[in-house]
C-alpha atoms as a PDB file:
ATOM      1  CA  UNK A   1      22.428  18.356  -6.980  1.00  0.00           C
ATOM      2  CA  UNK A   2      18.891  19.185  -5.916  1.00  0.00           C
ATOM      3  CA  UNK A   3      18.126  17.796  -2.395  1.00  0.00           C
ATOM      4  CA  UNK A   4      15.736  14.837  -2.285  1.00  0.00           C
ATOM      5  CA  UNK A   5      13.448  16.795   0.048  1.00  0.00           C
ATOM      6  CA  UNK A   6      13.049  19.553  -2.509  1.00  0.00           C
ATOM      7  CA  UNK A   7      12.326  17.096  -5.305  1.00  0.00           C
ATOM      8  CA  UNK A   8       9.696  15.336  -3.180  1.00  0.00           C
ATOM      9  CA  UNK A   9       8.175  18.690  -2.231  1.00  0.00           C
ATOM     10  CA  UNK A  10       7.927  20.173  -5.737  1.00  0.00           C
ATOM     11  CA  UNK A  11       8.907  17.693  -8.449  1.00  0.00           C
ATOM     12  CA  UNK A  12       6.410  16.369 -10.950  1.00  0.00           C
ATOM     13  CA  UNK A  13       4.769  13.103  -9.722  1.00  0.00           C
ATOM     14  CA  UNK A  14       4.406  10.121 -12.005  1.00  0.00           C
ATOM     15  CA  UNK A  15       2.229   7.306 -10.590  1.00  0.00           C
ATOM     16  CA  UNK A  16       3.471   3.785 -11.367  1.00  0.00           C
ATOM     17  CA  UNK A  17       1.207   1.611  -9.304  1.00  0.00           C
ATOM     18  CA  UNK A  18      -1.065   1.089  -6.303  1.00  0.00           C
ATOM     19  CA  UNK A  19      -0.476  -0.749  -3.053  1.00  0.00           C
ATOM     20  CA  UNK A  20      -3.568  -2.940  -3.156  1.00  0.00           C
ATOM     21  CA  UNK A  21      -3.379  -4.104   0.582  1.00  0.00           C
ATOM     22  CA  UNK A  22      -4.026  -0.549   1.781  1.00  0.00           C
ATOM     23  CA  UNK A  23      -7.531   0.449   2.789  1.00  0.00           C
ATOM     24  CA  UNK A  24      -7.139   4.012   1.388  1.00  0.00           C
ATOM     25  CA  UNK A  25      -5.706   4.877  -2.015  1.00  0.00           C
ATOM     26  CA  UNK A  26      -1.962   4.464  -1.595  1.00  0.00           C
ATOM     27  CA  UNK A  27      -0.016   4.975  -4.757  1.00  0.00           C
ATOM     28  CA  UNK A  28       3.627   4.194  -5.592  1.00  0.00           C
ATOM     29  CA  UNK A  29       5.073   6.954  -7.630  1.00  0.00           C
ATOM     30  CA  UNK A  30       8.323   8.492  -8.913  1.00  0.00           C
ATOM     31  CA  UNK A  31       9.499  12.049  -9.193  1.00  0.00           C
ATOM     32  CA  UNK A  32       9.746  12.616 -12.924  1.00  0.00           C
ATOM     33  CA  UNK A  33      13.177  12.859 -14.722  1.00  0.00           C
ATOM     34  CA  UNK A  34      15.317  12.139 -11.606  1.00  0.00           C
ATOM     35  CA  UNK A  35      18.535  10.256 -11.739  1.00  0.00           C
ATOM     36  CA  UNK A  36      18.928   8.457  -9.465  1.00  0.00           C
ATOM     37  CA  UNK A  37      15.209   7.594  -9.243  1.00  0.00           C
ATOM     38  CA  UNK A  38      13.317   9.199  -6.350  1.00  0.00           C
ATOM     39  CA  UNK A  39      10.480   6.935  -5.222  1.00  0.00           C
ATOM     40  CA  UNK A  40       7.546   8.116  -3.087  1.00  0.00           C
ATOM     41  CA  UNK A  41       4.261   7.127  -1.648  1.00  0.00           C
ATOM     42  CA  UNK A  42       1.334   9.367  -2.606  1.00  0.00           C
ATOM     43  CA  UNK A  43      -1.963   9.349  -0.794  1.00  0.00           C
ATOM     44  CA  UNK A  44      -4.537  11.699  -2.349  1.00  0.00           C
ATOM     45  CA  UNK A  45      -7.195  13.008   0.005  1.00  0.00           C
ATOM     46  CA  UNK A  46      -9.791  12.036  -2.659  1.00  0.00           C
ATOM     47  CA  UNK A  47      -8.892   8.399  -2.077  1.00  0.00           C
ATOM     48  CA  UNK A  48      -9.392   8.453   1.690  1.00  0.00           C
ATOM     49  CA  UNK A  49     -12.105   6.056   3.019  1.00  0.00           C
ATOM     50  CA  UNK A  50     -14.385   7.873   5.520  1.00  0.00           C
ATOM     51  CA  UNK A  51     -14.113   6.721   9.134  1.00  0.00           C
ATOM     52  CA  UNK A  52     -16.854   7.059  11.741  1.00  0.00           C
ATOM     53  CA  UNK A  53     -14.555   8.466  14.433  1.00  0.00           C
ATOM     54  CA  UNK A  54     -12.239  10.721  12.416  1.00  0.00           C
ATOM     55  CA  UNK A  55     -13.309  13.757  10.258  1.00  0.00           C
ATOM     56  CA  UNK A  56     -13.414  13.099   6.478  1.00  0.00           C
ATOM     57  CA  UNK A  57     -10.533  14.273   4.373  1.00  0.00           C
ATOM     58  CA  UNK A  58      -7.907  14.909   7.081  1.00  0.00           C
ATOM     59  CA  UNK A  59      -5.890  11.670   7.318  1.00  0.00           C
ATOM     60  CA  UNK A  60      -3.166  13.281   5.221  1.00  0.00           C
ATOM     61  CA  UNK A  61      -2.927  16.124   7.695  1.00  0.00           C
ATOM     62  CA  UNK A  62      -2.417  13.539  10.500  1.00  0.00           C
ATOM     63  CA  UNK A  63       0.296  11.779   8.579  1.00  0.00           C
ATOM     64  CA  UNK A  64       2.050  15.170   8.123  1.00  0.00           C
ATOM     65  CA  UNK A  65       1.530  16.045  11.827  1.00  0.00           C
ATOM     66  CA  UNK A  66       3.256  12.791  12.764  1.00  0.00           C
ATOM     67  CA  UNK A  67       6.214  13.635  10.586  1.00  0.00           C
ATOM     68  CA  UNK A  68       6.422  17.169  12.038  1.00  0.00           C
ATOM     69  CA  UNK A  69       6.382  15.897  15.619  1.00  0.00           C
ATOM     70  CA  UNK A  70       8.913  13.111  14.853  1.00  0.00           C
ATOM     71  CA  UNK A  71      11.254  15.708  13.236  1.00  0.00           C
ATOM     72  CA  UNK A  72      10.917  18.580  15.673  1.00  0.00           C
ATOM     73  CA  UNK A  73      11.098  16.493  18.871  1.00  0.00           C
ATOM     74  CA  UNK A  74      14.053  14.431  17.521  1.00  0.00           C
ATOM     75  CA  UNK A  75      12.335  10.997  17.269  1.00  0.00           C
ATOM     76  CA  UNK A  76      13.375  10.784  13.625  1.00  0.00           C
ATOM     77  CA  UNK A  77      11.023   7.820  12.999  1.00  0.00           C
ATOM     78  CA  UNK A  78       8.840   9.063  10.162  1.00  0.00           C
ATOM     79  CA  UNK A  79      10.103   9.297   6.552  1.00  0.00           C
ATOM     80  CA  UNK A  80      10.211  12.733   5.007  1.00  0.00           C
ATOM     81  CA  UNK A  81       6.628  13.814   4.394  1.00  0.00           C
ATOM     82  CA  UNK A  82       4.893  16.793   2.726  1.00  0.00           C
ATOM     83  CA  UNK A  83       1.385  17.920   1.853  1.00  0.00           C
ATOM     84  CA  UNK A  84       1.115  18.873  -1.789  1.00  0.00           C
ATOM     85  CA  UNK A  85      -0.814  18.547  -5.097  1.00  0.00           C
ATOM     86  CA  UNK A  86      -0.437  15.546  -7.295  1.00  0.00           C
ATOM     87  CA  UNK A  87      -2.003  13.848 -10.346  1.00  0.00           C
ATOM     88  CA  UNK A  88      -5.153  12.968  -8.335  1.00  0.00           C
ATOM     89  CA  UNK A  89      -5.243  16.106  -6.247  1.00  0.00           C
ATOM     90  CA  UNK A  90      -3.983  17.328  -2.953  1.00  0.00           C
ATOM     91  CA  UNK A  91      -2.617  14.733  -0.503  1.00  0.00           C
ATOM     92  CA  UNK A  92       0.319  13.368   1.466  1.00  0.00           C
ATOM     93  CA  UNK A  93       3.590  12.528  -0.278  1.00  0.00           C
ATOM     94  CA  UNK A  94       6.189  10.562   1.624  1.00  0.00           C
ATOM     95  CA  UNK A  95       9.642   9.335   0.891  1.00  0.00           C
ATOM     96  CA  UNK A  96       9.773   5.668  -0.113  1.00  0.00           C
ATOM     97  CA  UNK A  97      11.893   3.512   2.183  1.00  0.00           C
ATOM     98  CA  UNK A  98      13.740   0.500   0.673  1.00  0.00           C
ATOM     99  CA  UNK A  99      13.325  -2.186   3.302  1.00  0.00           C
ATOM    100  CA  UNK A 100      15.434  -5.195   4.163  1.00  0.00           C
ATOM    101  CA  UNK A 101      13.382  -8.076   2.811  1.00  0.00           C
ATOM    102  CA  UNK A 102      15.175 -10.603   5.013  1.00  0.00           C
ATOM    103  CA  UNK A 103      13.751  -9.038   8.228  1.00  0.00           C
ATOM    104  CA  UNK A 104      10.646 -10.800   9.577  1.00  0.00           C
ATOM    105  CA  UNK A 105       8.674  -7.743  10.789  1.00  0.00           C
ATOM    106  CA  UNK A 106       6.419  -9.875  13.052  1.00  0.00           C
ATOM    107  CA  UNK A 107       9.458 -11.228  14.902  1.00  0.00           C
ATOM    108  CA  UNK A 108      11.178  -7.797  14.895  1.00  0.00           C
ATOM    109  CA  UNK A 109       8.014  -6.172  16.207  1.00  0.00           C
ATOM    110  CA  UNK A 110       8.021  -8.446  19.242  1.00  0.00           C
ATOM    111  CA  UNK A 111      11.616  -7.791  20.182  1.00  0.00           C
ATOM    112  CA  UNK A 112      12.920  -5.369  22.748  1.00  0.00           C
ATOM    113  CA  UNK A 113      15.325  -3.147  20.888  1.00  0.00           C
ATOM    114  CA  UNK A 114      15.898   0.519  21.577  1.00  0.00           C
ATOM    115  CA  UNK A 115      14.499   1.650  18.254  1.00  0.00           C
ATOM    116  CA  UNK A 116      11.327  -0.241  18.810  1.00  0.00           C
ATOM    117  CA  UNK A 117      11.010   1.199  22.287  1.00  0.00           C
ATOM    118  CA  UNK A 118      11.308   4.679  20.860  1.00  0.00           C
ATOM    119  CA  UNK A 119       8.552   3.917  18.328  1.00  0.00           C
ATOM    120  CA  UNK A 120       6.273   2.591  21.090  1.00  0.00           C
ATOM    121  CA  UNK A 121       6.815   5.776  22.973  1.00  0.00           C
ATOM    122  CA  UNK A 122       6.148   7.858  19.808  1.00  0.00           C
ATOM    123  CA  UNK A 123       2.897   5.944  19.201  1.00  0.00           C
ATOM    124  CA  UNK A 124       1.799   6.684  22.758  1.00  0.00           C
ATOM    125  CA  UNK A 125       2.452  10.391  22.258  1.00  0.00           C
ATOM    126  CA  UNK A 126       0.586  10.629  18.935  1.00  0.00           C
ATOM    127  CA  UNK A 127      -2.189   8.256  20.151  1.00  0.00           C
ATOM    128  CA  UNK A 128      -1.658   5.931  17.128  1.00  0.00           C
ATOM    129  CA  UNK A 129      -4.791   3.789  16.660  1.00  0.00           C
ATOM    130  CA  UNK A 130      -3.310   1.527  13.993  1.00  0.00           C
ATOM    131  CA  UNK A 131       0.284   0.368  14.620  1.00  0.00           C
ATOM    132  CA  UNK A 132       0.558  -2.859  12.736  1.00  0.00           C
ATOM    133  CA  UNK A 133       3.624  -5.033  12.131  1.00  0.00           C
ATOM    134  CA  UNK A 134       3.424  -4.107   8.365  1.00  0.00           C
ATOM    135  CA  UNK A 135       3.972  -0.435   9.317  1.00  0.00           C
ATOM    136  CA  UNK A 136       7.538  -1.225  10.551  1.00  0.00           C
ATOM    137  CA  UNK A 137      10.076  -0.268   7.945  1.00  0.00           C
ATOM    138  CA  UNK A 138      13.609  -1.616   8.546  1.00  0.00           C
ATOM    139  CA  UNK A 139      16.102  -0.522   5.917  1.00  0.00           C
ATOM    140  CA  UNK A 140      19.331  -2.355   4.803  1.00  0.00           C
ATOM    141  CA  UNK A 141      21.280  -0.430   7.519  1.00  0.00           C
ATOM    142  CA  UNK A 142      18.954  -1.733  10.265  1.00  0.00           C
ATOM    143  CA  UNK A 143      17.347   1.680  10.768  1.00  0.00           C
ATOM    144  CA  UNK A 144      13.683   1.614  11.781  1.00  0.00           C
ATOM    145  CA  UNK A 145      11.088   3.963  10.387  1.00  0.00           C
ATOM    146  CA  UNK A 146       7.277   3.834  10.888  1.00  0.00           C
ATOM    147  CA  UNK A 147       4.533   4.614   8.362  1.00  0.00           C
ATOM    148  CA  UNK A 148       0.757   4.975   8.083  1.00  0.00           C
ATOM    149  CA  UNK A 149      -0.009   7.524  10.844  1.00  0.00           C
ATOM    150  CA  UNK A 150      -3.328   8.722   9.388  1.00  0.00           C
ATOM    151  CA  UNK A 151      -5.379   7.390  12.291  1.00  0.00           C
ATOM    152  CA  UNK A 152      -3.492   9.289  15.051  1.00  0.00           C
ATOM    153  CA  UNK A 153      -3.899  12.349  17.298  1.00  0.00           C
ATOM    154  CA  UNK A 154      -7.510  11.699  18.324  1.00  0.00           C
ATOM    155  CA  UNK A 155      -8.576  13.596  21.396  1.00  0.00           C
ATOM    156  CA  UNK A 156      -9.867  10.359  22.981  1.00  0.00           C
ATOM    157  CA  UNK A 157      -7.633   7.447  24.016  1.00  0.00           C
ATOM    158  CA  UNK A 158      -7.430   5.176  21.006  1.00  0.00           C
ATOM    159  CA  UNK A 159      -3.926   3.654  21.254  1.00  0.00           C
ATOM    160  CA  UNK A 160      -3.894   0.328  19.384  1.00  0.00           C
ATOM    161  CA  UNK A 161      -0.641  -1.226  18.634  1.00  0.00           C
ATOM    162  CA  UNK A 162       1.170  -4.534  18.314  1.00  0.00           C
ATOM    163  CA  UNK A 163       4.120  -3.099  20.365  1.00  0.00           C
ATOM    164  CA  UNK A 164       2.897  -3.707  23.969  1.00  0.00           C
ATOM    165  CA  UNK A 165       5.976  -5.512  25.213  1.00  0.00           C
ATOM    166  CA  UNK A 166       7.235  -2.353  27.020  1.00  0.00           C
ATOM    167  CA  UNK A 167       4.074  -1.772  29.023  1.00  0.00           C
ATOM    168  CA  UNK A 168       4.643  -0.523  32.538  1.00  0.00           C
ATOM    169  CA  UNK A 169       8.466  -0.383  32.040  1.00  0.00           C
ATOM    170  CA  UNK A 170      10.192   2.767  33.329  1.00  0.00           C
ATOM    171  CA  UNK A 171      11.076   5.355  30.837  1.00  0.00           C
ATOM    172  CA  UNK A 172      14.856   5.821  30.448  1.00  0.00           C
ATOM    173  CA  UNK A 173      16.593   9.227  30.527  1.00  0.00           C
ATOM    174  CA  UNK A 174      16.671   9.509  26.764  1.00  0.00           C
ATOM    175  CA  UNK A 175      12.932   8.845  26.529  1.00  0.00           C
ATOM    176  CA  UNK A 176      12.281  11.471  29.180  1.00  0.00           C
ATOM    177  CA  UNK A 177      14.388  13.883  27.177  1.00  0.00           C
ATOM    178  CA  UNK A 178      12.325  13.196  24.035  1.00  0.00           C
ATOM    179  CA  UNK A 179       9.071  13.868  26.002  1.00  0.00           C
ATOM    180  CA  UNK A 180      10.475  17.069  27.367  1.00  0.00           C
ATOM    181  CA  UNK A 181      11.337  18.155  23.828  1.00  0.00           C
ATOM    182  CA  UNK A 182       7.717  17.615  22.780  1.00  0.00           C
ATOM    183  CA  UNK A 183       6.537  19.523  25.833  1.00  0.00           C
ATOM    184  CA  UNK A 184       8.751  22.421  24.975  1.00  0.00           C
ATOM    185  CA  UNK A 185       7.328  22.829  21.415  1.00  0.00           C
ATOM    186  CA  UNK A 186       4.706  25.389  20.666  1.00  0.00           C
ATOM    187  CA  UNK A 187       2.228  22.663  19.741  1.00  0.00           C
ATOM    188  CA  UNK A 188      -0.613  25.158  19.181  1.00  0.00           C
ATOM    189  CA  UNK A 189       1.290  27.096  16.585  1.00  0.00           C
ATOM    190  CA  UNK A 190       2.823  24.058  14.872  1.00  0.00           C
ATOM    191  CA  UNK A 191      -0.410  22.008  14.527  1.00  0.00           C
ATOM    192  CA  UNK A 192      -2.967  24.832  14.256  1.00  0.00           C
ATOM    193  CA  UNK A 193      -3.578  24.045  10.603  1.00  0.00           C
ATOM    194  CA  UNK A 194      -3.695  20.278  10.862  1.00  0.00           C
ATOM    195  CA  UNK A 195      -5.359  19.328  14.186  1.00  0.00           C
ATOM    196  CA  UNK A 196      -8.249  20.598  16.232  1.00  0.00           C
ATOM    197  CA  UNK A 197      -7.731  22.574  19.438  1.00  0.00           C
ATOM    198  CA  UNK A 198      -9.029  19.659  21.475  1.00  0.00           C
ATOM    199  CA  UNK A 199      -6.693  17.269  19.715  1.00  0.00           C
ATOM    200  CA  UNK A 200      -3.689  19.519  20.392  1.00  0.00           C
ATOM    201  CA  UNK A 201      -4.744  19.913  24.035  1.00  0.00           C
ATOM    202  CA  UNK A 202      -5.008  16.119  24.343  1.00  0.00           C
ATOM    203  CA  UNK A 203      -1.528  15.733  22.794  1.00  0.00           C
ATOM    204  CA  UNK A 204      -0.077  17.915  25.429  1.00  0.00           C
ATOM    205  CA  UNK A 205      -1.983  16.133  28.181  1.00  0.00           C
ATOM    206  CA  UNK A 206      -0.681  12.761  26.942  1.00  0.00           C
ATOM    207  CA  UNK A 207       2.869  14.019  27.180  1.00  0.00           C
ATOM    208  CA  UNK A 208       2.262  15.490  30.710  1.00  0.00           C
ATOM    209  CA  UNK A 209       0.793  12.154  31.856  1.00  0.00           C
ATOM    210  CA  UNK A 210       3.743  10.136  30.393  1.00  0.00           C
ATOM    211  CA  UNK A 211       6.181  12.506  32.208  1.00  0.00           C
ATOM    212  CA  UNK A 212       4.230  12.180  35.399  1.00  0.00           C
ATOM    213  CA  UNK A 213       4.100   8.470  35.434  1.00  0.00           C
ATOM    214  CA  UNK A 214       7.456   7.872  33.697  1.00  0.00           C
ATOM    215  CA  UNK A 215       6.382   4.492  32.467  1.00  0.00           C
ATOM    216  CA  UNK A 216       5.066   3.059  29.179  1.00  0.00           C
ATOM    217  CA  UNK A 217       1.276   2.882  29.012  1.00  0.00           C
ATOM    218  CA  UNK A 218      -0.659  -0.300  29.514  1.00  0.00           C
ATOM    219  CA  UNK A 219      -3.195  -1.726  27.047  1.00  0.00           C
ATOM    220  CA  UNK A 220      -6.805  -0.593  27.552  1.00  0.00           C
ATOM    221  CA  UNK A 221      -9.162  -2.946  29.283  1.00  0.00           C
ATOM    222  CA  UNK A 222     -12.173  -1.187  27.816  1.00  0.00           C
ATOM    223  CA  UNK A 223     -11.619  -1.540  24.007  1.00  0.00           C
ATOM    224  CA  UNK A 224      -9.369  -3.555  21.682  1.00  0.00           C
ATOM    225  CA  UNK A 225      -5.772  -2.726  22.191  1.00  0.00           C
ATOM    226  CA  UNK A 226      -4.428  -4.417  19.075  1.00  0.00           C
ATOM    227  CA  UNK A 227      -5.479  -3.383  15.538  1.00  0.00           C
ATOM    228  CA  UNK A 228      -7.053  -5.871  13.224  1.00  0.00           C
ATOM    229  CA  UNK A 229      -5.501  -7.391  11.169  1.00  0.00           C
ATOM    230  CA  UNK A 230      -2.251  -6.983  13.201  1.00  0.00           C
ATOM    231  CA  UNK A 231      -0.026  -7.296  10.099  1.00  0.00           C
END
């Protein structure tokens, strides 16, 4: 049997619909002629809406960078993601996660579970400017994943999230270990094609600061700390 990752990376994409709530073109698609069905999210670069503070046409690269960091440092919070061609051009393709529809993501997102703590730390590392409740994906086994990381890795502090309940709490040994794993990576080599030199430098600086303070960051007092809308 062909691994799902290989099918997502190179299989023919058939678009079946669009997620209309998304601000950028976000397409639900299948990998053609697969049994069982392999569902994906496809975000073509051509469908990205320009932002004043992020370069045009690189949100897909930031999504992929979030996956790489999650994978290589052991966070394991981002669904399998690739950059590849599709029916509407080059873009990001990500594994679809079947969620548990009985979970209230707003209630879940205000809880204090270990998985949510790890996601809050991950967002601080990648400088996620758009962590909404709707970006929390809890599957039928209770495993948490996060999606929509296109507005991340800016060189300036832009952390905006609905997960602030851990602010100022000490990092536990497992969280320190995750940060040390990020610190040990050759970030310049890994992200050279996807992020600017200043963004990579800022990524390393954020990790160093988190290790030095050993606490979760606090919301900014100089700008909005929660994305709008929050869901």
